[in-house]
């Protein structure tokens, strides 16, 4: 069965084209990914509308994705929208546009559901049996952390901070000042107090922050999924990256890493700070980097949900 799974986030809109079957819902194969950064959440505050420029960018991205979906011959389209849709006053208008272009109304998911789907997509292929794993998903306007087994979440929390919201709140100049860095860390550290002191052996970090940092660590000129998927970032790596990035402006970063940080050059440093604080909180010395996440979990969840529903009908 061919799927299109779209994740409409605060910063990015991601498309996954892939195949999966009801008989093996955790096995997603022949996957192709597309990434665009219309930054719907740029300057967005709760209760305010996404501006028309950002809406038009979303239209362009989804129109291009529609052509890819048609060419791929998808049997099912899944669309999930996260924080920007949750907080925008014109969320209904945004949903109308998505439905107009794709023929599917987006599922505006809660932070807890976002965390579950990201966990399902990232951890399931990396742990076995009842082994526990954690997933860190740093978004533009929210950050989710989950702990659980392959398909069951034991603890989950959605935090109301992300790379876009924190960058816009704290970084006012060309290069972040020491006091701005300290303030950002302080907010993240304070909010992480809501997360219990749980230790797990495997921690997987998904989304653009860890994948971009992994690419920079490996000195990649272009993003190469086969080198980034499953790579490892240690606490030492993060500290080295901090020293490498802290004194660079967005203009310098995009010049240095044009194919890695395009659209993310002004956000990567705040993402690094968030990641450092989280790994410290979880008491781990390293994390596994993954480009998988919510859009993969959405396919697995759809298959598991449908399989369970069919099994219940057969037992009636």
C-alpha atoms as a PDB file:
ATOM      1  CA  UNK A   1       0.000   0.000   0.000  1.00  0.00           C
ATOM      2  CA  UNK A   2       1.386   3.394  -1.004  1.00  0.00           C
ATOM      3  CA  UNK A   3       1.194   6.282   1.471  1.00  0.00           C
ATOM      4  CA  UNK A   4       1.758  10.014   1.459  1.00  0.00           C
ATOM      5  CA  UNK A   5       2.338  11.317   4.975  1.00  0.00           C
ATOM      6  CA  UNK A   6       2.637  15.074   5.470  1.00  0.00           C
ATOM      7  CA  UNK A   7       3.792  16.833   8.628  1.00  0.00           C
ATOM      8  CA  UNK A   8       2.896  20.550   8.661  1.00  0.00           C
ATOM      9  CA  UNK A   9       5.014  22.102  11.375  1.00  0.00           C
ATOM     10  CA  UNK A  10       5.836  25.556  12.656  1.00  0.00           C
ATOM     11  CA  UNK A  11       9.005  25.737  10.585  1.00  0.00           C
ATOM     12  CA  UNK A  12       8.842  22.954   7.992  1.00  0.00           C
ATOM     13  CA  UNK A  13       6.392  21.031   5.866  1.00  0.00           C
ATOM     14  CA  UNK A  14       7.608  17.478   5.301  1.00  0.00           C
ATOM     15  CA  UNK A  15       6.356  14.901   2.829  1.00  0.00           C
ATOM     16  CA  UNK A  16       7.018  11.173   3.073  1.00  0.00           C
ATOM     17  CA  UNK A  17       6.130   8.882   0.196  1.00  0.00           C
ATOM     18  CA  UNK A  18       6.444   5.251   1.241  1.00  0.00           C
ATOM     19  CA  UNK A  19       5.021   1.765   1.202  1.00  0.00           C
ATOM     20  CA  UNK A  20       3.756  -0.250   4.166  1.00  0.00           C
ATOM     21  CA  UNK A  21       1.416  -3.158   4.796  1.00  0.00           C
ATOM     22  CA  UNK A  22      -1.140  -4.108   7.441  1.00  0.00           C
ATOM     23  CA  UNK A  23       0.687  -7.391   8.071  1.00  0.00           C
ATOM     24  CA  UNK A  24       3.857  -5.517   9.135  1.00  0.00           C
ATOM     25  CA  UNK A  25       2.865  -1.994  10.252  1.00  0.00           C
ATOM     26  CA  UNK A  26       6.290  -1.165  11.709  1.00  0.00           C
ATOM     27  CA  UNK A  27       8.054  -1.879   8.423  1.00  0.00           C
ATOM     28  CA  UNK A  28       8.007   1.204   6.192  1.00  0.00           C
ATOM     29  CA  UNK A  29       9.994   0.800   2.991  1.00  0.00           C
ATOM     30  CA  UNK A  30      10.832   2.438  -0.344  1.00  0.00           C
ATOM     31  CA  UNK A  31      10.610   5.749   1.501  1.00  0.00           C
ATOM     32  CA  UNK A  32      11.247   9.075  -0.220  1.00  0.00           C
ATOM     33  CA  UNK A  33      11.335  12.345   1.737  1.00  0.00           C
ATOM     34  CA  UNK A  34      10.862  15.965   0.726  1.00  0.00           C
ATOM     35  CA  UNK A  35      11.586  18.988   2.925  1.00  0.00           C
ATOM     36  CA  UNK A  36      10.419  22.587   2.605  1.00  0.00           C
ATOM     37  CA  UNK A  37      10.611  25.499   5.070  1.00  0.00           C
ATOM     38  CA  UNK A  38       7.776  28.009   4.660  1.00  0.00           C
ATOM     39  CA  UNK A  39       8.079  28.881   8.389  1.00  0.00           C
ATOM     40  CA  UNK A  40       4.389  29.273   9.134  1.00  0.00           C
ATOM     41  CA  UNK A  41       5.226  30.182  12.718  1.00  0.00           C
ATOM     42  CA  UNK A  42       7.578  33.065  11.945  1.00  0.00           C
ATOM     43  CA  UNK A  43       6.545  35.876  14.308  1.00  0.00           C
ATOM     44  CA  UNK A  44       3.389  33.964  15.241  1.00  0.00           C
ATOM     45  CA  UNK A  45       1.993  34.402  18.761  1.00  0.00           C
ATOM     46  CA  UNK A  46      -0.921  32.412  20.235  1.00  0.00           C
ATOM     47  CA  UNK A  47      -4.246  33.812  19.078  1.00  0.00           C
ATOM     48  CA  UNK A  48      -2.751  35.663  16.118  1.00  0.00           C
ATOM     49  CA  UNK A  49      -3.145  34.728  12.439  1.00  0.00           C
ATOM     50  CA  UNK A  50      -0.484  33.241  10.210  1.00  0.00           C
ATOM     51  CA  UNK A  51       0.334  36.058   7.783  1.00  0.00           C
ATOM     52  CA  UNK A  52      -0.597  35.960   4.096  1.00  0.00           C
ATOM     53  CA  UNK A  53       3.012  35.638   2.915  1.00  0.00           C
ATOM     54  CA  UNK A  54       3.446  32.443   4.930  1.00  0.00           C
ATOM     55  CA  UNK A  55       0.078  31.141   3.772  1.00  0.00           C
ATOM     56  CA  UNK A  56       1.071  31.633   0.137  1.00  0.00           C
ATOM     57  CA  UNK A  57       4.333  29.783   0.758  1.00  0.00           C
ATOM     58  CA  UNK A  58       2.339  26.917   2.261  1.00  0.00           C
ATOM     59  CA  UNK A  59       0.121  26.891  -0.839  1.00  0.00           C
ATOM     60  CA  UNK A  60       3.161  26.602  -3.089  1.00  0.00           C
ATOM     61  CA  UNK A  61       4.681  23.776  -1.064  1.00  0.00           C
ATOM     62  CA  UNK A  62       1.457  21.765  -0.898  1.00  0.00           C
ATOM     63  CA  UNK A  63       0.734  22.294  -4.597  1.00  0.00           C
ATOM     64  CA  UNK A  64       4.175  20.918  -5.449  1.00  0.00           C
ATOM     65  CA  UNK A  65       3.651  18.022  -3.043  1.00  0.00           C
ATOM     66  CA  UNK A  66       0.297  17.231  -4.663  1.00  0.00           C
ATOM     67  CA  UNK A  67       2.025  16.633  -7.990  1.00  0.00           C
ATOM     68  CA  UNK A  68       4.517  14.291  -6.333  1.00  0.00           C
ATOM     69  CA  UNK A  69       1.715  12.420  -4.580  1.00  0.00           C
ATOM     70  CA  UNK A  70      -0.202  11.952  -7.835  1.00  0.00           C
ATOM     71  CA  UNK A  71       2.916  10.749  -9.644  1.00  0.00           C
ATOM     72  CA  UNK A  72       3.672   8.266  -6.874  1.00  0.00           C
ATOM     73  CA  UNK A  73       0.167   6.790  -7.091  1.00  0.00           C
ATOM     74  CA  UNK A  74      -0.695   6.973  -3.411  1.00  0.00           C
ATOM     75  CA  UNK A  75      -3.527   4.891  -1.952  1.00  0.00           C
ATOM     76  CA  UNK A  76      -3.771   6.968   1.224  1.00  0.00           C
ATOM     77  CA  UNK A  77      -2.883  10.548   2.167  1.00  0.00           C
ATOM     78  CA  UNK A  78      -2.275  11.382   5.833  1.00  0.00           C
ATOM     79  CA  UNK A  79      -1.880  15.018   6.874  1.00  0.00           C
ATOM     80  CA  UNK A  80      -1.003  16.109  10.405  1.00  0.00           C
ATOM     81  CA  UNK A  81      -0.574  19.719  11.502  1.00  0.00           C
ATOM     82  CA  UNK A  82       1.112  20.741  14.737  1.00  0.00           C
ATOM     83  CA  UNK A  83       1.837  23.840  16.799  1.00  0.00           C
ATOM     84  CA  UNK A  84       1.309  26.636  14.245  1.00  0.00           C
ATOM     85  CA  UNK A  85      -2.155  25.285  13.441  1.00  0.00           C
ATOM     86  CA  UNK A  86      -2.858  24.769  17.146  1.00  0.00           C
ATOM     87  CA  UNK A  87      -2.220  28.381  18.129  1.00  0.00           C
ATOM     88  CA  UNK A  88      -3.170  30.401  15.017  1.00  0.00           C
ATOM     89  CA  UNK A  89      -6.448  32.316  15.026  1.00  0.00           C
ATOM     90  CA  UNK A  90      -6.952  31.475  11.336  1.00  0.00           C
ATOM     91  CA  UNK A  91      -6.390  27.745  11.812  1.00  0.00           C
ATOM     92  CA  UNK A  92      -9.704  26.903  10.146  1.00  0.00           C
ATOM     93  CA  UNK A  93      -8.729  28.921   7.065  1.00  0.00           C
ATOM     94  CA  UNK A  94      -5.398  27.094   6.908  1.00  0.00           C
ATOM     95  CA  UNK A  95      -7.185  23.744   7.115  1.00  0.00           C
ATOM     96  CA  UNK A  96      -9.523  24.792   4.299  1.00  0.00           C
ATOM     97  CA  UNK A  97      -6.520  25.543   2.084  1.00  0.00           C
ATOM     98  CA  UNK A  98      -4.924  22.173   2.830  1.00  0.00           C
ATOM     99  CA  UNK A  99      -8.185  20.382   2.022  1.00  0.00           C
ATOM    100  CA  UNK A 100      -8.644  22.403  -1.163  1.00  0.00           C
ATOM    101  CA  UNK A 101      -5.195  21.412  -2.449  1.00  0.00           C
ATOM    102  CA  UNK A 102      -4.860  17.839  -1.191  1.00  0.00           C
ATOM    103  CA  UNK A 103      -8.476  16.732  -0.828  1.00  0.00           C
ATOM    104  CA  UNK A 104      -7.783  15.786   2.792  1.00  0.00           C
ATOM    105  CA  UNK A 105      -8.483  17.904   5.859  1.00  0.00           C
ATOM    106  CA  UNK A 106      -5.474  18.023   8.175  1.00  0.00           C
ATOM    107  CA  UNK A 107      -5.585  16.426  11.577  1.00  0.00           C
ATOM    108  CA  UNK A 108      -4.557  19.183  14.015  1.00  0.00           C
ATOM    109  CA  UNK A 109      -2.936  17.064  16.681  1.00  0.00           C
ATOM    110  CA  UNK A 110      -2.327  17.841  20.327  1.00  0.00           C
ATOM    111  CA  UNK A 111       1.206  17.952  21.656  1.00  0.00           C
ATOM    112  CA  UNK A 112       0.767  14.564  23.322  1.00  0.00           C
ATOM    113  CA  UNK A 113      -0.362  12.994  20.045  1.00  0.00           C
ATOM    114  CA  UNK A 114       2.540  14.648  18.240  1.00  0.00           C
ATOM    115  CA  UNK A 115       4.884  13.093  20.776  1.00  0.00           C
ATOM    116  CA  UNK A 116       3.301   9.657  20.355  1.00  0.00           C
ATOM    117  CA  UNK A 117       3.552   9.679  16.560  1.00  0.00           C
ATOM    118  CA  UNK A 118       7.158  10.877  16.648  1.00  0.00           C
ATOM    119  CA  UNK A 119       7.983   8.125  19.139  1.00  0.00           C
ATOM    120  CA  UNK A 120       6.272   5.505  17.017  1.00  0.00           C
ATOM    121  CA  UNK A 121       8.156   6.599  13.919  1.00  0.00           C
ATOM    122  CA  UNK A 122      11.614   6.981  15.445  1.00  0.00           C
ATOM    123  CA  UNK A 123      11.939   4.380  18.198  1.00  0.00           C
ATOM    124  CA  UNK A 124      10.093   1.391  16.753  1.00  0.00           C
ATOM    125  CA  UNK A 125      12.824   0.415  14.268  1.00  0.00           C
ATOM    126  CA  UNK A 126      15.593   0.819  16.871  1.00  0.00           C
ATOM    127  CA  UNK A 127      14.452  -1.176  19.890  1.00  0.00           C
ATOM    128  CA  UNK A 128      13.190  -4.698  20.361  1.00  0.00           C
ATOM    129  CA  UNK A 129      10.704  -6.453  22.612  1.00  0.00           C
ATOM    130  CA  UNK A 130       9.991  -4.538  25.811  1.00  0.00           C
ATOM    131  CA  UNK A 131      13.165  -2.471  25.596  1.00  0.00           C
ATOM    132  CA  UNK A 132      12.619   1.191  26.446  1.00  0.00           C
ATOM    133  CA  UNK A 133      13.685   4.138  24.354  1.00  0.00           C
ATOM    134  CA  UNK A 134      13.228   7.906  24.405  1.00  0.00           C
ATOM    135  CA  UNK A 135      12.513  10.308  21.574  1.00  0.00           C
ATOM    136  CA  UNK A 136      13.350  14.013  21.463  1.00  0.00           C
ATOM    137  CA  UNK A 137      11.468  15.999  18.825  1.00  0.00           C
ATOM    138  CA  UNK A 138      12.494  19.670  18.731  1.00  0.00           C
ATOM    139  CA  UNK A 139      10.053  21.606  16.587  1.00  0.00           C
ATOM    140  CA  UNK A 140       9.624  25.245  15.713  1.00  0.00           C
ATOM    141  CA  UNK A 141       7.069  26.074  18.390  1.00  0.00           C
ATOM    142  CA  UNK A 142       7.029  23.044  20.660  1.00  0.00           C
ATOM    143  CA  UNK A 143       9.301  20.246  21.822  1.00  0.00           C
ATOM    144  CA  UNK A 144       8.157  16.728  22.653  1.00  0.00           C
ATOM    145  CA  UNK A 145       9.894  14.091  24.750  1.00  0.00           C
ATOM    146  CA  UNK A 146       8.597  10.544  25.113  1.00  0.00           C
ATOM    147  CA  UNK A 147       9.737   7.377  26.847  1.00  0.00           C
ATOM    148  CA  UNK A 148       8.328   3.962  26.033  1.00  0.00           C
ATOM    149  CA  UNK A 149       8.552   0.679  24.176  1.00  0.00           C
ATOM    150  CA  UNK A 150       8.061   0.067  20.450  1.00  0.00           C
ATOM    151  CA  UNK A 151       4.353   0.913  20.443  1.00  0.00           C
ATOM    152  CA  UNK A 152       3.515   2.011  23.986  1.00  0.00           C
ATOM    153  CA  UNK A 153       4.274   5.366  25.578  1.00  0.00           C
ATOM    154  CA  UNK A 154       5.003   5.256  29.311  1.00  0.00           C
ATOM    155  CA  UNK A 155       5.698   8.966  29.686  1.00  0.00           C
ATOM    156  CA  UNK A 156       5.221  11.885  27.365  1.00  0.00           C
ATOM    157  CA  UNK A 157       5.345  15.647  27.625  1.00  0.00           C
ATOM    158  CA  UNK A 158       4.936  18.466  25.117  1.00  0.00           C
ATOM    159  CA  UNK A 159       6.812  21.643  26.021  1.00  0.00           C
ATOM    160  CA  UNK A 160       5.746  25.041  24.729  1.00  0.00           C
ATOM    161  CA  UNK A 161       9.126  26.038  23.342  1.00  0.00           C
ATOM    162  CA  UNK A 162      10.918  25.390  20.053  1.00  0.00           C
ATOM    163  CA  UNK A 163      13.670  26.756  17.850  1.00  0.00           C
ATOM    164  CA  UNK A 164      11.548  29.463  16.245  1.00  0.00           C
ATOM    165  CA  UNK A 165       9.847  30.702  19.406  1.00  0.00           C
ATOM    166  CA  UNK A 166      13.039  30.763  21.498  1.00  0.00           C
ATOM    167  CA  UNK A 167      15.219  32.294  18.780  1.00  0.00           C
ATOM    168  CA  UNK A 168      12.726  35.112  18.253  1.00  0.00           C
ATOM    169  CA  UNK A 169      12.333  35.635  21.996  1.00  0.00           C
ATOM    170  CA  UNK A 170      15.983  35.739  23.043  1.00  0.00           C
ATOM    171  CA  UNK A 171      18.318  36.405  20.120  1.00  0.00           C
ATOM    172  CA  UNK A 172      17.987  40.072  19.175  1.00  0.00           C
ATOM    173  CA  UNK A 173      21.336  40.774  17.539  1.00  0.00           C
ATOM    174  CA  UNK A 174      23.501  39.326  14.805  1.00  0.00           C
ATOM    175  CA  UNK A 175      25.378  37.029  17.224  1.00  0.00           C
ATOM    176  CA  UNK A 176      23.812  35.733  20.477  1.00  0.00           C
ATOM    177  CA  UNK A 177      25.186  37.399  23.592  1.00  0.00           C
ATOM    178  CA  UNK A 178      26.219  35.441  26.671  1.00  0.00           C
ATOM    179  CA  UNK A 179      23.284  36.769  28.700  1.00  0.00           C
ATOM    180  CA  UNK A 180      20.834  35.818  25.920  1.00  0.00           C
ATOM    181  CA  UNK A 181      22.232  32.287  25.822  1.00  0.00           C
ATOM    182  CA  UNK A 182      21.979  32.057  29.597  1.00  0.00           C
ATOM    183  CA  UNK A 183      18.356  33.252  29.551  1.00  0.00           C
ATOM    184  CA  UNK A 184      17.360  30.771  26.847  1.00  0.00           C
ATOM    185  CA  UNK A 185      19.009  27.917  28.747  1.00  0.00           C
ATOM    186  CA  UNK A 186      17.286  29.059  31.919  1.00  0.00           C
ATOM    187  CA  UNK A 187      13.821  28.877  30.366  1.00  0.00           C
ATOM    188  CA  UNK A 188      14.442  25.430  28.874  1.00  0.00           C
ATOM    189  CA  UNK A 189      15.956  24.116  32.106  1.00  0.00           C
ATOM    190  CA  UNK A 190      13.067  25.466  34.159  1.00  0.00           C
ATOM    191  CA  UNK A 191      10.423  23.889  31.954  1.00  0.00           C
ATOM    192  CA  UNK A 192      12.273  20.562  31.869  1.00  0.00           C
ATOM    193  CA  UNK A 193      11.621  20.339  35.605  1.00  0.00           C
ATOM    194  CA  UNK A 194       8.206  18.935  34.596  1.00  0.00           C
ATOM    195  CA  UNK A 195       9.989  15.883  33.199  1.00  0.00           C
ATOM    196  CA  UNK A 196      10.760  13.126  35.732  1.00  0.00           C
ATOM    197  CA  UNK A 197      14.262  11.797  36.330  1.00  0.00           C
ATOM    198  CA  UNK A 198      14.007   8.720  34.117  1.00  0.00           C
ATOM    199  CA  UNK A 199      17.052   7.046  32.588  1.00  0.00           C
ATOM    200  CA  UNK A 200      16.893   5.072  29.336  1.00  0.00           C
ATOM    201  CA  UNK A 201      19.631   3.382  27.320  1.00  0.00           C
ATOM    202  CA  UNK A 202      18.601   4.579  23.860  1.00  0.00           C
ATOM    203  CA  UNK A 203      17.684   8.159  23.066  1.00  0.00           C
ATOM    204  CA  UNK A 204      16.666   9.102  19.531  1.00  0.00           C
ATOM    205  CA  UNK A 205      16.564  12.734  18.402  1.00  0.00           C
ATOM    206  CA  UNK A 206      14.475  13.567  15.346  1.00  0.00           C
ATOM    207  CA  UNK A 207      13.780  16.641  13.185  1.00  0.00           C
ATOM    208  CA  UNK A 208      16.006  19.304  11.702  1.00  0.00           C
ATOM    209  CA  UNK A 209      18.153  20.247  14.679  1.00  0.00           C
ATOM    210  CA  UNK A 210      19.917  16.903  15.264  1.00  0.00           C
ATOM    211  CA  UNK A 211      20.117  15.989  11.576  1.00  0.00           C
ATOM    212  CA  UNK A 212      21.697  19.350  10.704  1.00  0.00           C
ATOM    213  CA  UNK A 213      24.127  19.119  13.621  1.00  0.00           C
ATOM    214  CA  UNK A 214      25.121  15.616  12.557  1.00  0.00           C
ATOM    215  CA  UNK A 215      25.782  16.851   9.023  1.00  0.00           C
ATOM    216  CA  UNK A 216      27.963  19.691  10.349  1.00  0.00           C
ATOM    217  CA  UNK A 217      29.853  17.313  12.641  1.00  0.00           C
ATOM    218  CA  UNK A 218      30.565  15.040   9.664  1.00  0.00           C
ATOM    219  CA  UNK A 219      31.640  17.998   7.506  1.00  0.00           C
ATOM    220  CA  UNK A 220      29.076  17.102   4.863  1.00  0.00           C
ATOM    221  CA  UNK A 221      28.686  19.455   1.930  1.00  0.00           C
ATOM    222  CA  UNK A 222      25.179  18.206   1.188  1.00  0.00           C
ATOM    223  CA  UNK A 223      22.578  16.396   3.266  1.00  0.00           C
ATOM    224  CA  UNK A 224      23.016  12.629   2.872  1.00  0.00           C
ATOM    225  CA  UNK A 225      20.383  10.602   4.653  1.00  0.00           C
ATOM    226  CA  UNK A 226      22.403   7.380   4.551  1.00  0.00           C
ATOM    227  CA  UNK A 227      25.165   9.063   6.605  1.00  0.00           C
ATOM    228  CA  UNK A 228      22.873  10.928   8.991  1.00  0.00           C
ATOM    229  CA  UNK A 229      20.237   8.295   9.766  1.00  0.00           C
ATOM    230  CA  UNK A 230      21.494   6.350  12.796  1.00  0.00           C
ATOM    231  CA  UNK A 231      24.534   8.560  13.391  1.00  0.00           C
ATOM    232  CA  UNK A 232      25.508   9.442  16.954  1.00  0.00           C
ATOM    233  CA  UNK A 233      25.981  12.779  18.710  1.00  0.00           C
ATOM    234  CA  UNK A 234      27.756  12.634  22.066  1.00  0.00           C
ATOM    235  CA  UNK A 235      27.803  15.312  24.766  1.00  0.00           C
ATOM    236  CA  UNK A 236      31.353  16.062  23.654  1.00  0.00           C
ATOM    237  CA  UNK A 237      30.164  16.452  20.049  1.00  0.00           C
ATOM    238  CA  UNK A 238      27.481  18.901  21.165  1.00  0.00           C
ATOM    239  CA  UNK A 239      29.999  20.915  23.168  1.00  0.00           C
ATOM    240  CA  UNK A 240      32.367  21.026  20.171  1.00  0.00           C
ATOM    241  CA  UNK A 241      29.497  22.159  17.954  1.00  0.00           C
ATOM    242  CA  UNK A 242      28.584  24.829  20.525  1.00  0.00           C
ATOM    243  CA  UNK A 243      32.134  26.222  20.387  1.00  0.00           C
ATOM    244  CA  UNK A 244      32.033  26.073  16.585  1.00  0.00           C
ATOM    245  CA  UNK A 245      28.714  27.896  16.163  1.00  0.00           C
ATOM    246  CA  UNK A 246      28.399  30.305  19.090  1.00  0.00           C
ATOM    247  CA  UNK A 247      30.356  33.182  17.553  1.00  0.00           C
ATOM    248  CA  UNK A 248      28.933  32.916  14.044  1.00  0.00           C
ATOM    249  CA  UNK A 249      26.173  35.032  12.559  1.00  0.00           C
ATOM    250  CA  UNK A 250      23.375  33.561  10.466  1.00  0.00           C
ATOM    251  CA  UNK A 251      25.010  35.013   7.354  1.00  0.00           C
ATOM    252  CA  UNK A 252      28.313  33.321   8.200  1.00  0.00           C
ATOM    253  CA  UNK A 253      26.612  29.997   8.906  1.00  0.00           C
ATOM    254  CA  UNK A 254      24.656  29.913   5.659  1.00  0.00           C
ATOM    255  CA  UNK A 255      27.813  30.809   3.747  1.00  0.00           C
ATOM    256  CA  UNK A 256      29.689  27.987   5.476  1.00  0.00           C
ATOM    257  CA  UNK A 257      26.896  25.384   5.222  1.00  0.00           C
ATOM    258  CA  UNK A 258      24.633  26.510   2.337  1.00  0.00           C
ATOM    259  CA  UNK A 259      23.115  23.093   1.585  1.00  0.00           C
ATOM    260  CA  UNK A 260      22.828  21.985   5.197  1.00  0.00           C
ATOM    261  CA  UNK A 261      21.373  25.037   6.938  1.00  0.00           C
ATOM    262  CA  UNK A 262      19.290  26.704   4.223  1.00  0.00           C
ATOM    263  CA  UNK A 263      16.253  28.126   6.043  1.00  0.00           C
ATOM    264  CA  UNK A 264      17.629  27.023   9.410  1.00  0.00           C
ATOM    265  CA  UNK A 265      20.744  29.174   9.760  1.00  0.00           C
ATOM    266  CA  UNK A 266      19.140  31.476  12.357  1.00  0.00           C
ATOM    267  CA  UNK A 267      17.625  28.579  14.322  1.00  0.00           C
ATOM    268  CA  UNK A 268      20.344  25.948  14.595  1.00  0.00           C
ATOM    269  CA  UNK A 269      22.091  27.494  17.593  1.00  0.00           C
ATOM    270  CA  UNK A 270      18.939  27.669  19.712  1.00  0.00           C
ATOM    271  CA  UNK A 271      18.221  24.067  18.714  1.00  0.00           C
ATOM    272  CA  UNK A 272      21.687  23.053  19.874  1.00  0.00           C
ATOM    273  CA  UNK A 273      21.119  24.730  23.249  1.00  0.00           C
ATOM    274  CA  UNK A 274      17.779  22.945  23.677  1.00  0.00           C
ATOM    275  CA  UNK A 275      19.364  19.608  22.798  1.00  0.00           C
ATOM    276  CA  UNK A 276      22.196  20.140  25.278  1.00  0.00           C
ATOM    277  CA  UNK A 277      19.753  20.883  28.087  1.00  0.00           C
ATOM    278  CA  UNK A 278      17.581  17.853  27.290  1.00  0.00           C
ATOM    279  CA  UNK A 279      20.447  15.373  27.080  1.00  0.00           C
ATOM    280  CA  UNK A 280      21.698  16.720  30.408  1.00  0.00           C
ATOM    281  CA  UNK A 281      18.244  16.254  31.932  1.00  0.00           C
ATOM    282  CA  UNK A 282      17.995  12.672  30.661  1.00  0.00           C
ATOM    283  CA  UNK A 283      21.424  11.869  32.037  1.00  0.00           C
ATOM    284  CA  UNK A 284      22.760  10.441  28.798  1.00  0.00           C
ATOM    285  CA  UNK A 285      26.165  10.768  27.186  1.00  0.00           C
ATOM    286  CA  UNK A 286      24.929  10.399  23.608  1.00  0.00           C
ATOM    287  CA  UNK A 287      21.934  10.226  21.327  1.00  0.00           C
ATOM    288  CA  UNK A 288      21.036   8.585  18.050  1.00  0.00           C
ATOM    289  CA  UNK A 289      20.103  10.914  15.198  1.00  0.00           C
ATOM    290  CA  UNK A 290      17.131  10.049  13.007  1.00  0.00           C
ATOM    291  CA  UNK A 291      15.394  11.682  10.087  1.00  0.00           C
ATOM    292  CA  UNK A 292      12.322   9.568  10.840  1.00  0.00           C
ATOM    293  CA  UNK A 293       9.590  10.832  13.118  1.00  0.00           C
ATOM    294  CA  UNK A 294       5.983  11.975  13.045  1.00  0.00           C
ATOM    295  CA  UNK A 295       5.280  11.286   9.378  1.00  0.00           C
ATOM    296  CA  UNK A 296       6.561   7.693   9.739  1.00  0.00           C
ATOM    297  CA  UNK A 297       4.624   7.227  12.958  1.00  0.00           C
ATOM    298  CA  UNK A 298       1.451   8.464  11.281  1.00  0.00           C
ATOM    299  CA  UNK A 299       1.616   5.609   8.770  1.00  0.00           C
ATOM    300  CA  UNK A 300       2.319   2.999  11.451  1.00  0.00           C
ATOM    301  CA  UNK A 301      -0.479   4.384  13.637  1.00  0.00           C
ATOM    302  CA  UNK A 302      -2.938   4.267  10.740  1.00  0.00           C
ATOM    303  CA  UNK A 303      -2.066   0.633  10.022  1.00  0.00           C
ATOM    304  CA  UNK A 304      -2.201  -0.417  13.680  1.00  0.00           C
ATOM    305  CA  UNK A 305      -5.505   1.394  14.230  1.00  0.00           C
ATOM    306  CA  UNK A 306      -7.087  -0.151  11.139  1.00  0.00           C
ATOM    307  CA  UNK A 307      -5.759  -3.619  12.015  1.00  0.00           C
ATOM    308  CA  UNK A 308      -7.154  -3.382  15.564  1.00  0.00           C
ATOM    309  CA  UNK A 309     -10.504  -2.170  14.269  1.00  0.00           C
ATOM    310  CA  UNK A 310     -10.722  -5.079  11.807  1.00  0.00           C
ATOM    311  CA  UNK A 311      -9.748  -7.573  14.503  1.00  0.00           C
ATOM    312  CA  UNK A 312     -12.439  -6.216  16.832  1.00  0.00           C
ATOM    313  CA  UNK A 313     -15.053  -6.541  14.099  1.00  0.00           C
ATOM    314  CA  UNK A 314     -14.059 -10.146  13.455  1.00  0.00           C
ATOM    315  CA  UNK A 315     -14.415 -11.012  17.139  1.00  0.00           C
ATOM    316  CA  UNK A 316     -17.903  -9.538  17.425  1.00  0.00           C
END
